[in-house]
Amino acid sequence: MRVKSLFQSTGLCLALTAAGCASRPERPAAAGAVTPRVLYERNCAVCHGPQGQGTELGTMKVPPLNSGAALNDPDEKFYKQINDGGKGMPPFKATLDDGQIADLVRFIREEIQGKK
């Protein structure tokens, strides 16, 4: 009898808790969510510079993202370059998902190049 009573009150508690959760607003993104800016800082800035100005690594000249040819390259070319790498750049397809790469392209366009 005690077990039945405990089970019933636990069930009631779960039902009330579920009802309370359903009326709460959705939670914001998890604290560990990575913004496009953080993605850029972690994956791109070390070579392309914090403002996309380009750098020199040893004998390799890393092109700028905020001037020159990068201003006219189509988004698809940026996406492919980030995904597949090449010309001295490592591929990021194993460490970034499609959405993160798309976020990086958008970040470069908007924040680095000032295009909206």
Protein backbone atom coordinates (compact mmCIF):
# COMPACT_ATOMS: atom_id res chain seq x y z
CA MET A 1 0.00 0.00 0.00
CA ARG A 2 2.82 2.39 0.86
CA VAL A 3 4.55 1.64 -2.42
CA LYS A 4 1.36 2.34 -4.36
CA SER A 5 0.89 5.64 -2.52
CA LEU A 6 4.52 6.64 -3.13
CA PHE A 7 4.22 5.76 -6.82
CA GLN A 8 1.00 7.76 -7.18
CA SER A 9 2.48 10.85 -5.54
CA THR A 10 5.64 10.51 -7.63
CA GLY A 11 3.50 10.28 -10.74
CA LEU A 12 1.59 13.38 -9.69
CA CYS A 13 4.86 15.21 -9.05
CA LEU A 14 6.18 14.25 -12.51
CA ALA A 15 2.94 15.39 -14.14
CA LEU A 16 3.11 18.76 -12.36
CA THR A 17 6.78 19.17 -13.25
CA ALA A 18 6.12 18.40 -16.90
CA ALA A 19 3.23 20.86 -16.98
CA GLY A 20 5.45 23.55 -15.45
CA CYS A 21 8.21 22.95 -18.00
CA ALA A 22 5.81 23.19 -20.90
CA SER A 23 4.79 26.71 -19.88
CA ARG A 24 8.36 28.04 -19.54
CA PRO A 25 9.94 29.91 -22.43
CA GLU A 26 12.58 28.12 -24.45
CA ARG A 27 16.08 28.24 -23.05
CA PRO A 28 18.70 30.35 -24.79
CA ALA A 29 21.56 28.62 -26.58
CA ALA A 30 23.75 26.53 -24.33
CA ALA A 31 26.54 28.40 -22.59
CA GLY A 32 29.05 26.31 -24.54
CA ALA A 33 27.58 27.27 -27.93
CA VAL A 34 30.26 28.57 -30.27
CA THR A 35 29.56 31.83 -32.06
CA PRO A 36 30.86 32.56 -35.57
CA ARG A 37 33.31 35.06 -34.04
CA VAL A 38 34.74 32.38 -31.76
CA LEU A 39 34.93 29.95 -34.70
CA TYR A 40 36.93 32.56 -36.62
CA GLU A 41 39.21 33.31 -33.67
CA ARG A 42 39.89 29.60 -33.05
CA ASN A 43 40.30 28.46 -36.64
CA CYS A 44 41.15 31.37 -38.93
CA ALA A 45 42.71 34.30 -37.07
CA VAL A 46 45.97 32.52 -36.36
CA CYS A 47 46.78 32.59 -40.09
CA HIS A 48 44.52 35.29 -41.57
CA GLY A 49 44.85 37.70 -38.63
CA PRO A 50 42.25 39.00 -36.20
CA GLN A 51 40.85 41.49 -38.72
CA GLY A 52 41.44 39.29 -41.76
CA GLN A 53 44.47 41.30 -42.83
CA GLY A 54 46.53 38.24 -43.80
CA THR A 55 49.93 37.31 -42.40
CA GLU A 56 53.21 35.73 -43.29
CA LEU A 57 54.00 32.31 -41.83
CA GLY A 58 57.61 31.52 -42.61
CA THR A 59 57.86 31.71 -46.37
CA MET A 60 54.12 31.34 -46.92
CA LYS A 61 52.03 34.47 -47.44
CA VAL A 62 48.51 33.97 -46.10
CA PRO A 63 46.09 36.08 -48.17
CA PRO A 64 43.95 38.74 -46.56
CA LEU A 65 40.22 38.24 -46.24
CA ASN A 66 39.44 41.94 -45.87
CA SER A 67 40.89 43.10 -49.20
CA GLY A 68 41.97 41.96 -52.64
CA ALA A 69 40.54 38.93 -54.40
CA ALA A 70 38.66 37.74 -51.32
CA LEU A 71 36.24 40.65 -51.67
CA ASN A 72 35.03 39.33 -55.01
CA ASP A 73 35.22 35.58 -54.45
CA PRO A 74 31.77 33.96 -54.38
CA ASP A 75 30.54 32.43 -51.12
CA GLU A 76 30.76 28.96 -52.67
CA LYS A 77 34.51 29.42 -53.20
CA PHE A 78 34.99 30.45 -49.55
CA TYR A 79 32.92 27.49 -48.40
CA LYS A 80 34.90 25.04 -50.56
CA GLN A 81 38.23 26.49 -49.44
CA ILE A 82 37.33 26.19 -45.75
CA ASN A 83 35.86 22.71 -46.22
CA ASP A 84 38.53 21.19 -48.48
CA GLY A 85 41.58 23.36 -47.79
CA GLY A 86 44.33 23.67 -50.38
CA LYS A 87 47.08 26.12 -51.33
CA GLY A 88 48.66 25.68 -47.90
CA MET A 89 45.39 25.83 -45.95
CA PRO A 90 44.28 22.74 -44.02
CA PRO A 91 40.79 21.30 -44.60
CA PHE A 92 38.26 21.89 -41.83
CA LYS A 93 35.60 19.39 -42.98
CA ALA A 94 36.62 16.95 -40.24
CA THR A 95 36.41 19.51 -37.42
CA LEU A 96 33.60 21.86 -38.51
CA ASP A 97 30.13 20.91 -39.67
CA ASP A 98 28.36 22.43 -42.69
CA GLY A 99 26.50 24.97 -40.55
CA GLN A 100 29.68 26.16 -38.84
CA ILE A 101 31.43 26.60 -42.20
CA ALA A 102 28.42 28.56 -43.51
CA ASP A 103 28.54 30.69 -40.33
CA LEU A 104 32.22 31.39 -40.97
CA VAL A 105 31.53 32.49 -44.54
CA ARG A 106 28.76 34.80 -43.33
CA PHE A 107 31.03 36.15 -40.54
CA ILE A 108 33.84 36.87 -43.02
CA ARG A 109 31.43 38.68 -45.35
CA GLU A 110 29.71 40.73 -42.66
CA GLU A 111 32.31 41.32 -39.95
CA ILE A 112 35.63 41.09 -41.78
CA GLN A 113 34.59 42.57 -45.13
CA GLY A 114 31.78 44.82 -43.90
CA LYS A 115 29.24 43.47 -46.39
CA LYS A 116 25.64 43.03 -45.30
